[in-house]
Amino acid sequence: GLAYIHASNLYFHGLPDGPRIHQRLGKTHFMGIAWHPSGAFFATANGDGKADFWDAETGERRESFDWKKGKLLD
């Protein structure tokens, strides 16, 4: 799949005919994105200090982790 971020929007396109999903964080911005080497999930770093983990098959959020350190940059 392909996942990319722009401001407070996450776009996920499963390939070849998988889901096309748009997630929005509201006022918080996505700051970075990284794929796990297995390809099973990816993570986003968010401006609210949380890291979200997303399912690579469905594009749905699996869980969030709050670092409690402030804004994550990447």
N, C-alpha and C. Protein backbone atom coordinates (compact mmCIF):
# COMPACT_ATOMS: atom_id res chain seq x y z
N GLY A 1 0.82 -1.19 0.00
CA GLY A 1 0.00 0.00 0.00
C GLY A 1 0.86 1.25 0.00
N LEU A 2 0.20 2.34 -0.16
CA LEU A 2 0.82 3.65 -0.16
C LEU A 2 0.14 4.48 0.90
N ALA A 3 0.91 5.08 1.78
CA ALA A 3 0.37 5.97 2.80
C ALA A 3 1.17 7.26 2.76
N TYR A 4 0.46 8.38 2.83
CA TYR A 4 1.15 9.67 2.87
C TYR A 4 0.35 10.64 3.71
N ILE A 5 1.04 11.67 4.21
CA ILE A 5 0.43 12.63 5.10
C ILE A 5 0.54 14.03 4.50
N HIS A 6 -0.44 14.86 4.85
CA HIS A 6 -0.42 16.27 4.50
C HIS A 6 -1.19 17.01 5.58
N ALA A 7 -0.48 17.80 6.36
CA ALA A 7 -1.08 18.57 7.46
C ALA A 7 -1.82 17.63 8.41
N SER A 8 -3.11 17.77 8.56
CA SER A 8 -3.87 16.93 9.50
C SER A 8 -4.55 15.76 8.79
N ASN A 9 -4.10 15.42 7.59
CA ASN A 9 -4.72 14.37 6.79
C ASN A 9 -3.77 13.21 6.53
N LEU A 10 -4.29 11.99 6.66
CA LEU A 10 -3.56 10.78 6.31
C LEU A 10 -4.32 10.12 5.17
N TYR A 11 -3.63 9.81 4.10
CA TYR A 11 -4.24 9.13 2.96
C TYR A 11 -3.60 7.75 2.84
N PHE A 12 -4.41 6.74 2.66
CA PHE A 12 -3.93 5.37 2.52
C PHE A 12 -4.59 4.76 1.30
N HIS A 13 -3.78 4.22 0.40
CA HIS A 13 -4.27 3.54 -0.80
C HIS A 13 -3.72 2.13 -0.80
N GLY A 14 -4.58 1.14 -0.58
CA GLY A 14 -4.16 -0.25 -0.67
C GLY A 14 -3.97 -0.62 -2.13
N LEU A 15 -3.01 -1.45 -2.41
CA LEU A 15 -2.74 -1.83 -3.79
C LEU A 15 -2.94 -3.31 -3.98
N PRO A 16 -3.37 -3.80 -5.14
CA PRO A 16 -3.77 -3.02 -6.29
C PRO A 16 -5.21 -2.49 -6.18
N ASP A 17 -6.13 -3.26 -5.59
CA ASP A 17 -7.52 -2.81 -5.52
C ASP A 17 -8.01 -2.68 -4.09
N GLY A 18 -7.09 -2.45 -3.18
CA GLY A 18 -7.45 -2.35 -1.77
C GLY A 18 -8.14 -1.05 -1.43
N PRO A 19 -8.30 -0.80 -0.15
CA PRO A 19 -9.06 0.38 0.28
C PRO A 19 -8.34 1.68 -0.01
N ARG A 20 -9.13 2.72 -0.22
CA ARG A 20 -8.63 4.10 -0.29
C ARG A 20 -9.27 4.82 0.87
N ILE A 21 -8.45 5.19 1.85
CA ILE A 21 -8.96 5.70 3.11
C ILE A 21 -8.34 7.06 3.40
N HIS A 22 -9.15 7.94 3.94
CA HIS A 22 -8.70 9.26 4.36
C HIS A 22 -9.03 9.41 5.84
N GLN A 23 -8.00 9.62 6.66
CA GLN A 23 -8.18 9.85 8.10
C GLN A 23 -7.80 11.30 8.37
N ARG A 24 -8.45 11.90 9.35
CA ARG A 24 -8.16 13.29 9.71
C ARG A 24 -8.01 13.39 11.22
N LEU A 25 -6.95 14.10 11.66
CA LEU A 25 -6.70 14.26 13.09
C LEU A 25 -7.39 15.48 13.69
N GLY A 26 -8.04 16.29 12.90
CA GLY A 26 -8.64 17.52 13.43
C GLY A 26 -7.61 18.64 13.41
N LYS A 27 -7.41 19.29 14.55
CA LYS A 27 -6.47 20.41 14.62
C LYS A 27 -5.01 19.95 14.67
N THR A 28 -4.79 18.71 15.05
CA THR A 28 -3.43 18.17 15.16
C THR A 28 -2.89 17.79 13.80
N HIS A 29 -1.60 18.04 13.57
CA HIS A 29 -0.97 17.70 12.30
C HIS A 29 -0.15 16.43 12.41
N PHE A 30 -0.13 15.66 11.34
CA PHE A 30 0.82 14.56 11.21
C PHE A 30 2.18 15.17 10.92
N MET A 31 3.21 14.69 11.62
CA MET A 31 4.55 15.24 11.46
C MET A 31 5.50 14.28 10.72
N GLY A 32 5.19 13.00 10.71
CA GLY A 32 6.05 12.02 10.05
C GLY A 32 5.35 10.69 9.92
N ILE A 33 5.88 9.86 9.04
CA ILE A 33 5.30 8.53 8.80
C ILE A 33 6.45 7.55 8.54
N ALA A 34 6.30 6.32 9.03
CA ALA A 34 7.32 5.29 8.81
C ALA A 34 6.65 3.92 8.73
N TRP A 35 7.13 3.09 7.82
CA TRP A 35 6.62 1.73 7.66
C TRP A 35 7.45 0.77 8.50
N HIS A 36 6.79 -0.22 9.07
CA HIS A 36 7.48 -1.32 9.75
C HIS A 36 8.10 -2.20 8.66
N PRO A 37 9.29 -2.76 8.87
CA PRO A 37 9.93 -3.60 7.85
C PRO A 37 9.07 -4.76 7.36
N SER A 38 8.17 -5.27 8.19
CA SER A 38 7.31 -6.38 7.77
C SER A 38 6.26 -5.93 6.76
N GLY A 39 5.99 -4.62 6.70
CA GLY A 39 4.95 -4.11 5.81
C GLY A 39 3.55 -4.28 6.38
N ALA A 40 3.43 -4.85 7.58
CA ALA A 40 2.12 -5.12 8.17
C ALA A 40 1.46 -3.88 8.76
N PHE A 41 2.27 -2.89 9.14
CA PHE A 41 1.71 -1.66 9.70
C PHE A 41 2.67 -0.51 9.50
N PHE A 42 2.16 0.69 9.69
CA PHE A 42 2.99 1.88 9.65
C PHE A 42 2.62 2.76 10.83
N ALA A 43 3.50 3.70 11.15
CA ALA A 43 3.29 4.58 12.30
C ALA A 43 3.34 6.03 11.84
N THR A 44 2.58 6.87 12.53
CA THR A 44 2.65 8.30 12.28
C THR A 44 3.05 9.01 13.57
N ALA A 45 3.88 10.03 13.44
CA ALA A 45 4.24 10.91 14.55
C ALA A 45 3.33 12.12 14.42
N ASN A 46 2.71 12.51 15.53
CA ASN A 46 1.69 13.55 15.49
C ASN A 46 2.09 14.76 16.32
N GLY A 47 1.57 15.91 15.94
CA GLY A 47 1.87 17.15 16.62
C GLY A 47 1.33 17.23 18.04
N ASP A 48 0.48 16.28 18.43
CA ASP A 48 -0.06 16.26 19.79
C ASP A 48 0.78 15.40 20.73
N GLY A 49 1.93 14.90 20.25
CA GLY A 49 2.81 14.09 21.07
C GLY A 49 2.52 12.61 21.04
N LYS A 50 1.56 12.19 20.23
CA LYS A 50 1.21 10.76 20.14
C LYS A 50 1.78 10.15 18.87
N ALA A 51 2.05 8.86 18.96
CA ALA A 51 2.39 8.06 17.79
C ALA A 51 1.22 7.11 17.57
N ASP A 52 0.69 7.09 16.36
CA ASP A 52 -0.41 6.19 16.02
C ASP A 52 0.12 5.06 15.14
N PHE A 53 -0.42 3.88 15.37
CA PHE A 53 -0.05 2.70 14.58
C PHE A 53 -1.25 2.30 13.74
N TRP A 54 -1.02 2.12 12.44
CA TRP A 54 -2.08 1.88 11.45
C TRP A 54 -1.90 0.54 10.78
N ASP A 55 -2.99 -0.16 10.54
CA ASP A 55 -2.99 -1.45 9.86
C ASP A 55 -2.75 -1.23 8.37
N ALA A 56 -1.76 -1.89 7.80
CA ALA A 56 -1.42 -1.70 6.40
C ALA A 56 -2.40 -2.36 5.44
N GLU A 57 -3.21 -3.29 5.90
CA GLU A 57 -4.21 -3.91 5.03
C GLU A 57 -5.48 -3.09 4.95
N THR A 58 -5.89 -2.52 6.07
CA THR A 58 -7.18 -1.82 6.11
C THR A 58 -7.05 -0.30 6.19
N GLY A 59 -5.89 0.19 6.63
CA GLY A 59 -5.72 1.62 6.81
C GLY A 59 -6.35 2.15 8.08
N GLU A 60 -6.82 1.26 8.93
CA GLU A 60 -7.47 1.67 10.18
C GLU A 60 -6.43 1.79 11.30
N ARG A 61 -6.68 2.71 12.22
CA ARG A 61 -5.79 2.90 13.36
C ARG A 61 -5.88 1.70 14.29
N ARG A 62 -4.72 1.12 14.64
CA ARG A 62 -4.66 -0.01 15.58
C ARG A 62 -4.63 0.48 17.01
N GLU A 63 -3.72 1.43 17.28
CA GLU A 63 -3.59 1.95 18.64
C GLU A 63 -2.77 3.24 18.61
N SER A 64 -2.76 3.95 19.73
CA SER A 64 -1.99 5.18 19.89
C SER A 64 -1.10 5.05 21.11
N PHE A 65 0.02 5.73 21.04
CA PHE A 65 0.93 5.76 22.17
C PHE A 65 1.28 7.21 22.45
N ASP A 66 1.06 7.68 23.68
CA ASP A 66 1.35 9.05 24.05
C ASP A 66 2.71 9.10 24.77
N TRP A 67 3.67 9.75 24.16
CA TRP A 67 5.01 9.86 24.72
C TRP A 67 5.04 10.81 25.92
N LYS A 68 4.05 11.69 26.01
CA LYS A 68 3.97 12.69 27.09
C LYS A 68 5.21 13.58 27.14
N LYS A 69 5.75 13.86 25.95
CA LYS A 69 6.95 14.71 25.82
C LYS A 69 6.68 15.92 24.95
N GLY A 70 5.45 16.12 24.50
CA GLY A 70 5.14 17.23 23.60
C GLY A 70 5.14 16.79 22.16
N LYS A 71 5.20 17.76 21.27
CA LYS A 71 5.10 17.54 19.83
C LYS A 71 6.19 16.61 19.32
N LEU A 72 5.79 15.61 18.55
CA LEU A 72 6.75 14.73 17.86
C LEU A 72 7.06 15.33 16.50
N LEU A 73 8.30 15.36 16.12
CA LEU A 73 8.67 15.94 14.85
C LEU A 73 8.86 14.90 13.75
N ASP A 74 9.19 13.67 14.13
CA ASP A 74 9.39 12.63 13.12
C ASP A 74 9.54 11.31 13.81
